[in-house]
Protein backbone atom coordinates (compact mmCIF):
# COMPACT_ATOMS: atom_id res chain seq x y z
CA UNK A 1 28.15 51.25 2.15
CA UNK A 2 30.95 49.06 3.53
CA UNK A 3 34.35 49.60 2.14
CA UNK A 4 37.26 46.81 2.04
CA UNK A 5 40.84 47.18 1.90
CA UNK A 6 43.05 44.37 1.12
CA UNK A 7 46.65 44.31 2.26
CA UNK A 8 48.10 41.46 -0.31
CA UNK A 9 46.54 40.82 -3.47
CA UNK A 10 47.35 37.22 -4.15
CA UNK A 11 45.68 34.39 -5.14
CA UNK A 12 43.45 33.90 -2.30
CA UNK A 13 43.13 37.45 -1.80
CA UNK A 14 42.42 37.98 -5.33
CA UNK A 15 39.65 34.86 -5.31
CA UNK A 16 37.90 36.86 -2.46
CA UNK A 17 37.91 39.92 -4.23
CA UNK A 18 36.51 38.49 -7.46
CA UNK A 19 33.83 36.75 -5.20
CA UNK A 20 32.87 39.39 -3.45
CA UNK A 21 32.54 41.71 -6.55
CA UNK A 22 30.50 39.02 -8.23
CA UNK A 23 28.04 38.46 -5.58
CA UNK A 24 26.91 41.71 -5.94
CA UNK A 25 27.51 42.68 -2.13
CA UNK A 26 30.16 45.17 -2.64
CA UNK A 27 30.79 47.51 -5.26
CA UNK A 28 34.44 47.38 -7.09
CA UNK A 29 34.62 51.00 -6.39
CA UNK A 30 34.52 50.34 -2.69
CA UNK A 31 37.42 47.63 -2.71
CA UNK A 32 41.28 48.80 -2.60
CA UNK A 33 43.92 46.46 -2.77
CA UNK A 34 47.67 46.74 -2.17
CA UNK A 35 50.46 44.56 -2.78
CA UNK A 36 54.35 44.91 -3.16
CA UNK A 37 54.03 42.93 -6.36
CA UNK A 38 52.27 45.81 -8.08
CA UNK A 39 51.08 43.64 -10.85
CA UNK A 40 48.61 41.58 -9.13
CA UNK A 41 46.65 44.73 -8.02
CA UNK A 42 46.74 45.92 -11.74
CA UNK A 43 45.21 42.27 -12.77
CA UNK A 44 42.52 43.34 -10.51
CA UNK A 45 42.15 46.70 -11.48
CA UNK A 46 41.84 46.05 -14.85
CA UNK A 47 39.56 43.30 -14.35
CA UNK A 48 37.30 44.57 -12.18
CA UNK A 49 37.52 48.33 -11.62
CA UNK A 50 38.65 48.22 -7.97
CA UNK A 51 40.89 50.81 -6.61
CA UNK A 52 44.94 50.61 -6.14
CA UNK A 53 46.72 51.98 -3.09
CA UNK A 54 50.40 52.44 -3.36
CA UNK A 55 50.98 51.74 0.45
CA UNK A 56 49.60 49.55 3.07
CA UNK A 57 48.98 52.93 5.26
CA UNK A 58 46.97 54.49 2.12
CA UNK A 59 44.83 50.80 1.73
CA UNK A 60 44.04 51.23 5.61
CA UNK A 61 42.86 54.56 5.20
CA UNK A 62 40.56 53.65 2.42
CA UNK A 63 38.57 50.70 4.26
CA UNK A 64 36.11 50.22 6.93
CA UNK A 65 37.11 46.56 7.08
CA UNK A 66 40.72 45.86 6.67
CA UNK A 67 41.68 42.24 5.00
CA UNK A 68 45.13 40.85 5.66
CA UNK A 69 46.25 38.47 2.78
CA UNK A 70 49.99 38.47 3.05
CA UNK A 71 52.31 35.70 3.78
CA UNK A 72 52.33 34.25 7.34
CA UNK A 73 56.11 35.04 7.56
CA UNK A 74 55.31 38.79 5.91
CA UNK A 75 52.81 39.60 8.83
CA UNK A 76 55.21 41.70 11.05
CA UNK A 77 56.82 43.76 8.12
CA UNK A 78 53.25 44.25 6.69
CA UNK A 79 51.94 45.98 9.70
CA UNK A 80 55.07 47.70 11.39
CA UNK A 81 54.30 51.08 12.49
CA UNK A 82 50.32 50.97 11.13
CA UNK A 83 49.32 50.72 14.80
CA UNK A 84 47.63 54.39 14.68
CA UNK A 85 46.06 53.96 10.86
CA UNK A 86 44.49 50.46 12.14
CA UNK A 87 42.93 52.05 15.30
CA UNK A 88 38.81 51.55 15.30
CA UNK A 89 38.97 49.45 12.18
CA UNK A 90 38.21 45.72 11.97
CA UNK A 91 40.82 43.73 10.90
CA UNK A 92 40.19 40.14 9.05
CA UNK A 93 43.24 38.08 8.94
CA UNK A 94 43.06 35.10 6.32
CA UNK A 95 46.51 34.14 7.10
CA UNK A 96 47.11 30.50 8.32
CA UNK A 97 48.54 29.79 11.54
CA UNK A 98 49.03 33.15 12.66
CA UNK A 99 46.53 33.19 15.88
CA UNK A 100 44.57 36.17 17.30
CA UNK A 101 47.10 37.27 20.26
CA UNK A 102 49.82 38.17 17.80
CA UNK A 103 47.55 39.72 15.33
CA UNK A 104 46.19 42.04 18.31
CA UNK A 105 49.81 42.59 19.17
CA UNK A 106 50.76 43.65 15.78
CA UNK A 107 47.58 45.99 15.28
CA UNK A 108 47.70 47.50 18.71
CA UNK A 109 45.02 48.95 20.69
CA UNK A 110 41.62 49.66 19.72
CA UNK A 111 41.64 47.09 16.45
CA UNK A 112 39.18 44.56 16.52
CA UNK A 113 40.50 41.15 15.11
CA UNK A 114 39.09 38.20 13.45
CA UNK A 115 41.10 35.30 11.90
CA UNK A 116 39.16 33.70 8.96
CA UNK A 117 40.16 30.69 6.63
CA UNK A 118 38.16 30.65 3.44
CA UNK A 119 39.27 28.71 0.19
CA UNK A 120 39.97 29.74 -3.26
CA UNK A 121 36.54 28.73 -4.19
CA UNK A 122 35.50 31.89 -3.15
CA UNK A 123 36.18 33.21 -6.83
CA UNK A 124 33.09 31.14 -7.84
CA UNK A 125 30.64 31.71 -4.76
CA UNK A 126 31.55 28.16 -3.09
CA UNK A 127 34.09 28.71 -0.68
CA UNK A 128 33.79 26.85 2.89
CA UNK A 129 34.68 29.64 5.18
CA UNK A 130 35.37 29.28 9.20
CA UNK A 131 36.14 32.45 11.25
CA UNK A 132 37.08 33.21 15.03
CA UNK A 133 36.95 36.31 16.98
CA UNK A 134 39.15 38.14 19.29
CA UNK A 135 38.35 40.36 22.19
CA UNK A 136 36.03 43.52 21.57
CA UNK A 137 34.39 42.07 18.41
CA UNK A 138 30.90 42.80 18.55
CA UNK A 139 27.64 41.24 17.06
CA UNK A 140 27.83 43.64 14.50
CA UNK A 141 31.25 42.85 13.12
CA UNK A 142 30.30 39.22 12.98
CA UNK A 143 27.32 40.36 11.26
CA UNK A 144 30.05 41.76 8.83
CA UNK A 145 32.12 39.02 8.23
CA UNK A 146 29.08 36.76 7.68
CA UNK A 147 27.56 39.35 5.16
CA UNK A 148 31.21 39.29 3.00
CA UNK A 149 32.05 35.74 3.55
CA UNK A 150 28.10 34.71 2.70
CA UNK A 151 28.92 36.53 -0.77
CA UNK A 152 31.02 33.64 -1.73
CA UNK A 153 30.04 30.55 -0.13
CA UNK A 154 29.23 29.28 3.42
CA UNK A 155 30.33 30.25 6.78
CA UNK A 156 30.83 28.93 9.93
CA UNK A 157 31.99 30.52 13.59
CA UNK A 158 34.61 28.41 15.65
CA UNK A 159 36.52 28.30 18.81
CA UNK A 160 40.07 29.38 17.57
CA UNK A 161 41.53 26.17 18.93
CA UNK A 162 40.09 24.58 15.99
CA UNK A 163 41.49 27.00 13.42
CA UNK A 164 44.37 24.89 12.47
CA UNK A 165 42.01 21.66 11.46
CA UNK A 166 39.97 23.85 9.56
CA UNK A 167 43.06 25.20 7.79
CA UNK A 168 44.01 21.61 7.11
CA UNK A 169 40.49 20.33 5.96
CA UNK A 170 38.85 23.05 3.75
CA UNK A 171 41.57 25.55 3.37
CA UNK A 172 43.99 23.00 2.07
CA UNK A 173 41.21 20.46 0.67
CA UNK A 174 40.53 22.14 -2.52
CA UNK A 175 44.49 20.56 -3.76
CA UNK A 176 43.09 17.17 -2.43
CA UNK A 177 40.42 17.24 -4.46
CA UNK A 178 42.12 18.93 -7.71
CA UNK A 179 44.50 15.79 -7.03
CA UNK A 180 41.60 13.33 -7.14
CA UNK A 181 40.18 14.75 -10.49
CA UNK A 182 43.47 14.74 -12.00
CA UNK A 183 43.91 10.83 -10.78
CA UNK A 184 40.32 10.12 -12.03
CA UNK A 185 41.32 11.70 -15.57
CA UNK A 186 44.01 9.68 -15.71
CA UNK A 187 42.57 6.33 -14.83
CA UNK A 188 39.91 7.23 -17.36
CA UNK A 189 42.80 7.92 -20.17
CA UNK A 190 44.28 4.42 -19.27
CA UNK A 191 40.93 2.90 -19.66
CA UNK A 192 40.62 4.34 -23.06
CA UNK A 193 38.79 7.57 -23.09
CA UNK A 194 40.39 10.64 -24.62
CA UNK A 195 41.93 13.07 -22.15
CA UNK A 196 39.47 16.20 -22.79
CA UNK A 197 36.38 13.88 -21.98
CA UNK A 198 38.07 11.97 -18.99
CA UNK A 199 38.77 15.28 -17.49
CA UNK A 200 35.32 16.56 -18.22
CA UNK A 201 33.83 13.56 -16.77
CA UNK A 202 36.39 13.46 -13.68
CA UNK A 203 35.24 17.14 -13.00
CA UNK A 204 31.62 16.90 -13.48
CA UNK A 205 31.76 13.37 -11.41
CA UNK A 206 33.36 15.16 -8.38
CA UNK A 207 30.85 18.15 -8.72
CA UNK A 208 27.93 16.31 -9.06
CA UNK A 209 28.85 13.85 -6.05
CA UNK A 210 29.45 17.21 -4.02
CA UNK A 211 26.07 18.91 -4.80
CA UNK A 212 24.28 15.40 -4.28
CA UNK A 213 25.60 15.34 -0.42
CA UNK A 214 25.05 18.99 -0.10
CA UNK A 215 21.31 18.49 -1.40
CA UNK A 216 20.38 15.43 0.45
CA UNK A 217 22.49 15.94 3.37
CA UNK A 218 22.76 11.90 3.56
CA UNK A 219 25.98 10.93 5.31
CA UNK A 220 28.74 10.24 2.73
CA UNK A 221 28.70 6.53 3.67
CA UNK A 222 25.30 5.98 2.89
CA UNK A 223 25.69 7.78 -0.63
CA UNK A 224 28.32 5.64 -1.09
CA UNK A 225 26.33 2.38 -0.32
CA UNK A 226 23.66 3.63 -2.64
CA UNK A 227 26.06 3.44 -5.41
CA UNK A 228 28.04 0.29 -4.83
CA UNK A 229 25.93 -2.83 -5.81
CA UNK A 230 27.15 -6.19 -4.34
CA UNK A 231 29.85 -7.83 -7.01
CA UNK A 232 29.53 -4.71 -8.91
CA UNK A 233 32.10 -2.24 -10.61
CA UNK A 234 32.15 0.32 -8.05
CA UNK A 235 32.67 -2.34 -5.39
CA UNK A 236 35.53 -3.35 -7.49
CA UNK A 237 36.85 -0.05 -7.59
CA UNK A 238 36.61 0.75 -3.92
CA UNK A 239 38.51 -2.23 -3.10
CA UNK A 240 41.34 -1.11 -4.58
CA UNK A 241 40.88 2.34 -3.52
CA UNK A 242 40.84 0.24 0.22
CA UNK A 243 44.18 -1.56 -0.56
CA UNK A 244 45.91 1.91 -1.14
CA UNK A 245 44.67 3.13 2.20
CA UNK A 246 42.97 6.05 0.53
CA UNK A 247 41.00 6.82 3.68
CA UNK A 248 43.73 6.94 5.90
CA UNK A 249 45.78 9.07 3.31
CA UNK A 250 43.11 11.54 3.31
CA UNK A 251 43.04 12.01 6.85
CA UNK A 252 46.56 12.00 7.38
CA UNK A 253 46.76 15.06 4.55
CA UNK A 254 44.60 16.89 6.88
CA UNK A 255 46.43 16.10 10.38
CA UNK A 256 49.86 16.88 8.35
CA UNK A 257 47.83 20.45 7.09
CA UNK A 258 46.64 21.48 10.54
CA UNK A 259 50.14 20.63 12.19
CA UNK A 260 51.85 22.57 9.62
CA UNK A 261 49.67 25.46 10.11
CA UNK A 262 50.19 25.57 13.80
CA UNK A 263 53.76 25.21 13.02
CA UNK A 264 53.57 28.59 10.92
CA UNK A 265 52.02 30.28 14.08
CA UNK A 266 54.86 29.60 16.12
């Protein structure tokens, strides 16, 4: 049975741990977490029954696969002096912007490195995860990572040069959608709906639209056209969104987040 160690137990790591355990592929007893903020580990232990290590070295020793889930600025400190402990391990980093070359230099020789970008929907089994691989990563390693991430959503492999774009789109994307939900609910309240009902309708509308797009496989433009009758209510609403450059705003948000990911890596 595969054993996994998580260095860092923040929100993204917590979403992954919860999703992986809920998916049934990995037992809670085969997961070990550690974090400089012990309270984050205690929450996961109390909720799921995972193991808590008191040091990064102990966490590494407990896992066949080691996930690096610390903030990018903390990567050097988290891995300092741990090259021997990591030797022979498969290391999966979910840190934004930190390139494989830098990770390999931090981890030392004999370490196979995979860089991945999931998102917080992992906690409900709906993450969009993308990964790229370093030197020495085998087909078996790829299969291992796919098994882990498929337990919490969809998975794709890309060249590393695309990872910052992935970060800007699917890594940061849930926040854009949550803002959209919030705005739709605000609009419903403005039009007279009770707040609770407006929020319920906004969430279900976004969920349903996403499921429809995923199920049919049709281009979003065609699905949009199917909802838009000439001179109708949807056309009136879309005209307002276009007047506020919603398309450009979302595209620029993705580009800005991708640029920021690149800056973090430098």
